[in-house]
């Protein structure tokens, strides 16, 4: 981590790209969702340790695998319930709010 800190010293604006290969946050399999959550949290923790406040994250939508309506609903639940409550708040993100079923 010290090497990375030295390499980015003086850079004013940093973006961090979250991992995306083989991560499916809306997977039907709960173990796959848990693995995705673990990796995204690791990414957020590393970004915070380096002072990075912006993340690029891909949702993992695969058109021939997921029904769009189902995926959107599951995606909202994953990102809001799993990440928003904890680590994203400290990255200057907008406040998380409860969404009604109608808003999904």
N, C-alpha and C. Protein backbone atom coordinates (compact mmCIF):
# COMPACT_ATOMS: atom_id res chain seq x y z
N UNK A 1 0.83 -1.19 0.00
CA UNK A 1 0.00 0.00 0.00
C UNK A 1 0.88 1.26 0.00
N UNK A 2 2.03 1.20 0.66
CA UNK A 2 2.93 2.35 0.71
C UNK A 2 3.42 2.72 -0.68
N UNK A 3 3.73 1.72 -1.49
CA UNK A 3 4.18 1.98 -2.86
C UNK A 3 3.10 2.70 -3.65
N UNK A 4 1.87 2.25 -3.54
CA UNK A 4 0.76 2.88 -4.27
C UNK A 4 0.58 4.31 -3.77
N UNK A 5 0.65 4.51 -2.48
CA UNK A 5 0.52 5.87 -1.94
C UNK A 5 1.59 6.80 -2.52
N UNK A 6 2.80 6.32 -2.63
CA UNK A 6 3.87 7.15 -3.21
C UNK A 6 3.59 7.43 -4.68
N UNK A 7 3.09 6.44 -5.40
CA UNK A 7 2.83 6.61 -6.83
C UNK A 7 1.71 7.60 -7.11
N UNK A 8 0.75 7.70 -6.21
CA UNK A 8 -0.39 8.59 -6.45
C UNK A 8 -0.24 9.93 -5.72
N UNK A 9 0.85 10.10 -5.02
CA UNK A 9 1.09 11.34 -4.29
C UNK A 9 1.02 12.53 -5.25
N UNK A 10 0.25 13.52 -4.85
CA UNK A 10 0.11 14.73 -5.66
C UNK A 10 -0.99 14.68 -6.70
N UNK A 11 -1.56 13.52 -6.94
CA UNK A 11 -2.66 13.42 -7.90
C UNK A 11 -3.93 13.94 -7.21
N UNK A 12 -4.56 14.91 -7.83
CA UNK A 12 -5.71 15.55 -7.18
C UNK A 12 -7.01 14.77 -7.30
N UNK A 13 -7.26 14.17 -8.44
CA UNK A 13 -8.53 13.47 -8.66
C UNK A 13 -8.25 12.03 -9.06
N UNK A 14 -8.69 11.12 -8.24
CA UNK A 14 -8.50 9.69 -8.52
C UNK A 14 -9.84 8.98 -8.61
N UNK A 15 -9.93 8.06 -9.54
CA UNK A 15 -11.08 7.19 -9.68
C UNK A 15 -10.57 5.77 -9.46
N UNK A 16 -11.38 4.97 -8.84
CA UNK A 16 -11.03 3.58 -8.59
C UNK A 16 -12.02 2.73 -9.37
N UNK A 17 -11.54 1.77 -10.10
CA UNK A 17 -12.43 0.88 -10.86
C UNK A 17 -12.59 -0.41 -10.09
N UNK A 18 -13.81 -0.71 -9.69
CA UNK A 18 -14.08 -1.94 -8.94
C UNK A 18 -13.93 -3.15 -9.86
N UNK A 19 -13.60 -4.29 -9.29
CA UNK A 19 -13.52 -5.50 -10.12
C UNK A 19 -14.91 -5.85 -10.66
N UNK A 20 -14.92 -6.52 -11.80
CA UNK A 20 -16.22 -6.88 -12.38
C UNK A 20 -16.24 -8.27 -13.00
N UNK A 21 -15.11 -8.79 -13.39
CA UNK A 21 -15.07 -10.10 -14.04
C UNK A 21 -15.54 -11.18 -13.05
N UNK A 22 -16.49 -11.94 -13.48
CA UNK A 22 -17.03 -13.06 -12.73
C UNK A 22 -17.72 -12.67 -11.42
N UNK A 23 -18.08 -11.40 -11.28
CA UNK A 23 -18.84 -10.96 -10.11
C UNK A 23 -20.26 -10.65 -10.54
N UNK A 24 -21.20 -11.26 -9.88
CA UNK A 24 -22.61 -11.08 -10.21
C UNK A 24 -23.38 -10.69 -8.97
N UNK A 25 -23.49 -9.40 -8.70
CA UNK A 25 -24.16 -8.97 -7.48
C UNK A 25 -25.64 -9.34 -7.42
N UNK A 26 -26.23 -9.65 -8.54
CA UNK A 26 -27.64 -10.03 -8.56
C UNK A 26 -27.82 -11.50 -8.90
N UNK A 27 -26.82 -12.27 -8.67
CA UNK A 27 -26.88 -13.70 -8.96
C UNK A 27 -28.02 -14.36 -8.19
N UNK A 28 -28.57 -15.38 -8.78
CA UNK A 28 -29.60 -16.17 -8.12
C UNK A 28 -28.97 -16.98 -6.98
N UNK A 29 -27.70 -17.30 -7.10
CA UNK A 29 -26.98 -18.07 -6.09
C UNK A 29 -26.50 -17.15 -4.97
N UNK A 30 -26.95 -17.35 -3.74
CA UNK A 30 -26.55 -16.47 -2.64
C UNK A 30 -25.05 -16.49 -2.34
N UNK A 31 -24.36 -17.59 -2.62
CA UNK A 31 -22.92 -17.63 -2.39
C UNK A 31 -22.17 -16.75 -3.39
N UNK A 32 -22.66 -16.68 -4.61
CA UNK A 32 -22.06 -15.81 -5.62
C UNK A 32 -22.30 -14.35 -5.24
N UNK A 33 -23.52 -14.03 -4.78
CA UNK A 33 -23.81 -12.67 -4.31
C UNK A 33 -22.89 -12.29 -3.15
N UNK A 34 -22.69 -13.22 -2.23
CA UNK A 34 -21.82 -12.96 -1.07
C UNK A 34 -20.38 -12.70 -1.51
N UNK A 35 -19.90 -13.44 -2.49
CA UNK A 35 -18.54 -13.23 -3.00
C UNK A 35 -18.43 -11.85 -3.65
N UNK A 36 -19.44 -11.46 -4.41
CA UNK A 36 -19.44 -10.13 -5.04
C UNK A 36 -19.43 -9.05 -3.96
N UNK A 37 -20.25 -9.21 -2.96
CA UNK A 37 -20.30 -8.23 -1.87
C UNK A 37 -18.94 -8.12 -1.18
N UNK A 38 -18.30 -9.25 -0.93
CA UNK A 38 -16.99 -9.27 -0.29
C UNK A 38 -15.97 -8.49 -1.13
N UNK A 39 -15.94 -8.74 -2.43
CA UNK A 39 -14.98 -8.05 -3.30
C UNK A 39 -15.27 -6.55 -3.39
N UNK A 40 -16.54 -6.18 -3.47
CA UNK A 40 -16.86 -4.76 -3.55
C UNK A 40 -16.49 -4.05 -2.24
N UNK A 41 -16.72 -4.70 -1.12
CA UNK A 41 -16.33 -4.10 0.16
C UNK A 41 -14.81 -3.96 0.27
N UNK A 42 -14.08 -4.95 -0.21
CA UNK A 42 -12.61 -4.85 -0.22
C UNK A 42 -12.17 -3.64 -1.06
N UNK A 43 -12.83 -3.46 -2.20
CA UNK A 43 -12.51 -2.35 -3.08
C UNK A 43 -12.76 -1.02 -2.38
N UNK A 44 -13.89 -0.91 -1.72
CA UNK A 44 -14.25 0.32 -1.02
C UNK A 44 -13.26 0.60 0.11
N UNK A 45 -12.91 -0.42 0.85
CA UNK A 45 -11.95 -0.24 1.95
C UNK A 45 -10.58 0.20 1.42
N UNK A 46 -10.15 -0.38 0.33
CA UNK A 46 -8.86 0.00 -0.27
C UNK A 46 -8.92 1.43 -0.78
N UNK A 47 -10.02 1.78 -1.45
CA UNK A 47 -10.18 3.15 -1.95
C UNK A 47 -10.14 4.14 -0.79
N UNK A 48 -10.83 3.82 0.29
CA UNK A 48 -10.82 4.71 1.45
C UNK A 48 -9.42 4.86 2.03
N UNK A 49 -8.69 3.76 2.12
CA UNK A 49 -7.33 3.79 2.67
C UNK A 49 -6.41 4.66 1.82
N UNK A 50 -6.69 4.76 0.53
CA UNK A 50 -5.87 5.56 -0.38
C UNK A 50 -6.41 6.97 -0.57
N UNK A 51 -7.55 7.27 0.05
CA UNK A 51 -8.15 8.58 -0.08
C UNK A 51 -8.92 8.79 -1.36
N UNK A 52 -9.26 7.72 -2.04
CA UNK A 52 -10.04 7.79 -3.28
C UNK A 52 -11.51 7.91 -2.92
N UNK A 53 -12.20 8.88 -3.50
CA UNK A 53 -13.60 9.12 -3.17
C UNK A 53 -14.56 8.82 -4.30
N UNK A 54 -14.04 8.33 -5.43
CA UNK A 54 -14.90 8.02 -6.58
C UNK A 54 -14.64 6.59 -7.04
N UNK A 55 -15.72 5.84 -7.22
CA UNK A 55 -15.62 4.46 -7.69
C UNK A 55 -16.43 4.27 -8.96
N UNK A 56 -15.92 3.46 -9.86
CA UNK A 56 -16.68 3.00 -11.02
C UNK A 56 -17.03 1.55 -10.73
N UNK A 57 -18.31 1.25 -10.76
CA UNK A 57 -18.78 -0.10 -10.45
C UNK A 57 -19.75 -0.53 -11.54
N UNK A 58 -19.57 -1.74 -12.04
CA UNK A 58 -20.49 -2.30 -13.03
C UNK A 58 -21.44 -3.25 -12.33
N UNK A 59 -22.69 -3.20 -12.73
CA UNK A 59 -23.73 -3.97 -12.05
C UNK A 59 -23.80 -5.44 -12.41
N UNK A 60 -23.20 -5.86 -13.50
CA UNK A 60 -23.17 -7.27 -13.84
C UNK A 60 -24.35 -7.79 -14.64
N UNK A 61 -25.10 -6.89 -15.28
CA UNK A 61 -26.25 -7.35 -16.06
C UNK A 61 -25.80 -8.12 -17.29
N UNK A 62 -26.35 -9.31 -17.46
CA UNK A 62 -26.08 -10.15 -18.63
C UNK A 62 -27.42 -10.38 -19.32
N UNK A 63 -27.65 -9.75 -20.48
CA UNK A 63 -28.97 -9.76 -21.11
C UNK A 63 -29.57 -11.14 -21.35
N UNK A 64 -28.79 -12.13 -21.70
CA UNK A 64 -29.35 -13.44 -22.01
C UNK A 64 -29.53 -14.32 -20.77
N UNK A 65 -29.15 -13.79 -19.61
CA UNK A 65 -29.28 -14.56 -18.37
C UNK A 65 -30.40 -14.03 -17.49
N UNK A 66 -30.49 -12.71 -17.36
CA UNK A 66 -31.43 -12.11 -16.41
C UNK A 66 -32.58 -11.42 -17.13
N UNK A 67 -33.78 -11.52 -16.56
CA UNK A 67 -34.90 -10.70 -17.01
C UNK A 67 -34.63 -9.29 -16.51
N UNK A 68 -34.73 -8.28 -17.37
CA UNK A 68 -34.40 -6.91 -16.95
C UNK A 68 -35.17 -6.44 -15.72
N UNK A 69 -36.45 -6.72 -15.66
CA UNK A 69 -37.25 -6.26 -14.53
C UNK A 69 -36.76 -6.87 -13.22
N UNK A 70 -36.50 -8.17 -13.25
CA UNK A 70 -36.03 -8.86 -12.05
C UNK A 70 -34.66 -8.34 -11.66
N UNK A 71 -33.79 -8.14 -12.65
CA UNK A 71 -32.44 -7.69 -12.37
C UNK A 71 -32.43 -6.31 -11.71
N UNK A 72 -33.24 -5.40 -12.22
CA UNK A 72 -33.29 -4.06 -11.65
C UNK A 72 -33.73 -4.12 -10.19
N UNK A 73 -34.74 -4.90 -9.91
CA UNK A 73 -35.22 -5.03 -8.53
C UNK A 73 -34.13 -5.61 -7.62
N UNK A 74 -33.49 -6.67 -8.06
CA UNK A 74 -32.44 -7.30 -7.26
C UNK A 74 -31.23 -6.38 -7.12
N UNK A 75 -30.93 -5.64 -8.16
CA UNK A 75 -29.81 -4.72 -8.11
C UNK A 75 -30.03 -3.63 -7.07
N UNK A 76 -31.20 -3.06 -7.06
CA UNK A 76 -31.53 -2.04 -6.06
C UNK A 76 -31.37 -2.61 -4.66
N UNK A 77 -31.89 -3.80 -4.45
CA UNK A 77 -31.79 -4.43 -3.13
C UNK A 77 -30.33 -4.69 -2.75
N UNK A 78 -29.55 -5.21 -3.67
CA UNK A 78 -28.15 -5.52 -3.37
C UNK A 78 -27.37 -4.27 -2.99
N UNK A 79 -27.41 -3.27 -3.86
CA UNK A 79 -26.59 -2.08 -3.63
C UNK A 79 -27.08 -1.29 -2.43
N UNK A 80 -28.36 -1.16 -2.27
CA UNK A 80 -28.88 -0.37 -1.14
C UNK A 80 -28.66 -1.09 0.17
N UNK A 81 -29.12 -2.31 0.26
CA UNK A 81 -29.08 -3.02 1.53
C UNK A 81 -27.70 -3.51 1.92
N UNK A 82 -26.90 -3.90 0.96
CA UNK A 82 -25.61 -4.51 1.28
C UNK A 82 -24.48 -3.51 1.42
N UNK A 83 -24.46 -2.50 0.60
CA UNK A 83 -23.34 -1.57 0.60
C UNK A 83 -23.68 -0.19 1.15
N UNK A 84 -24.82 0.29 0.82
CA UNK A 84 -25.18 1.66 1.14
C UNK A 84 -25.18 1.90 2.65
N UNK A 85 -25.62 0.94 3.40
CA UNK A 85 -25.73 1.13 4.84
C UNK A 85 -24.39 1.26 5.54
N UNK A 86 -23.36 0.75 4.94
CA UNK A 86 -22.10 0.75 5.67
C UNK A 86 -21.06 1.64 5.03
N UNK A 87 -20.32 1.11 4.10
CA UNK A 87 -19.09 1.76 3.67
C UNK A 87 -19.30 2.91 2.69
N UNK A 88 -20.32 2.90 1.88
CA UNK A 88 -20.46 3.96 0.89
C UNK A 88 -20.75 5.31 1.53
N UNK A 89 -21.38 5.33 2.68
CA UNK A 89 -21.70 6.60 3.31
C UNK A 89 -20.44 7.41 3.59
N UNK A 90 -19.36 6.76 3.89
CA UNK A 90 -18.14 7.48 4.22
C UNK A 90 -17.38 7.96 2.99
N UNK A 91 -17.89 7.68 1.80
CA UNK A 91 -17.22 8.14 0.57
C UNK A 91 -17.94 9.34 -0.03
N UNK A 92 -18.61 10.11 0.80
CA UNK A 92 -19.32 11.31 0.37
C UNK A 92 -20.41 11.02 -0.64
N UNK A 93 -21.02 9.87 -0.52
CA UNK A 93 -22.11 9.55 -1.44
C UNK A 93 -23.39 10.21 -0.92
N UNK A 94 -24.38 10.37 -1.78
CA UNK A 94 -25.65 10.92 -1.31
C UNK A 94 -26.22 10.00 -0.24
N UNK A 95 -27.00 10.57 0.68
CA UNK A 95 -27.57 9.73 1.74
C UNK A 95 -28.43 8.61 1.16
N UNK A 96 -28.38 7.47 1.79
CA UNK A 96 -29.20 6.34 1.36
C UNK A 96 -30.59 6.53 1.91
N UNK A 97 -31.57 6.13 1.17
CA UNK A 97 -32.93 6.23 1.66
C UNK A 97 -33.65 4.92 1.39
N UNK A 98 -34.63 4.67 2.22
CA UNK A 98 -35.47 3.50 2.01
C UNK A 98 -36.32 3.75 0.77
N UNK A 99 -36.45 2.73 -0.05
CA UNK A 99 -37.27 2.86 -1.24
C UNK A 99 -38.52 1.99 -1.07
N UNK A 100 -39.62 2.56 -1.48
CA UNK A 100 -40.85 1.79 -1.44
C UNK A 100 -40.84 0.79 -2.58
N UNK A 101 -41.70 -0.20 -2.51
CA UNK A 101 -41.81 -1.19 -3.57
C UNK A 101 -42.14 -0.51 -4.90
N UNK A 102 -42.91 0.57 -4.85
CA UNK A 102 -43.30 1.27 -6.06
C UNK A 102 -42.09 1.93 -6.74
N UNK A 103 -41.12 2.38 -5.94
CA UNK A 103 -39.95 3.04 -6.49
C UNK A 103 -38.99 2.08 -7.16
N UNK A 104 -39.06 0.79 -6.84
CA UNK A 104 -38.12 -0.18 -7.41
C UNK A 104 -38.26 -0.28 -8.89
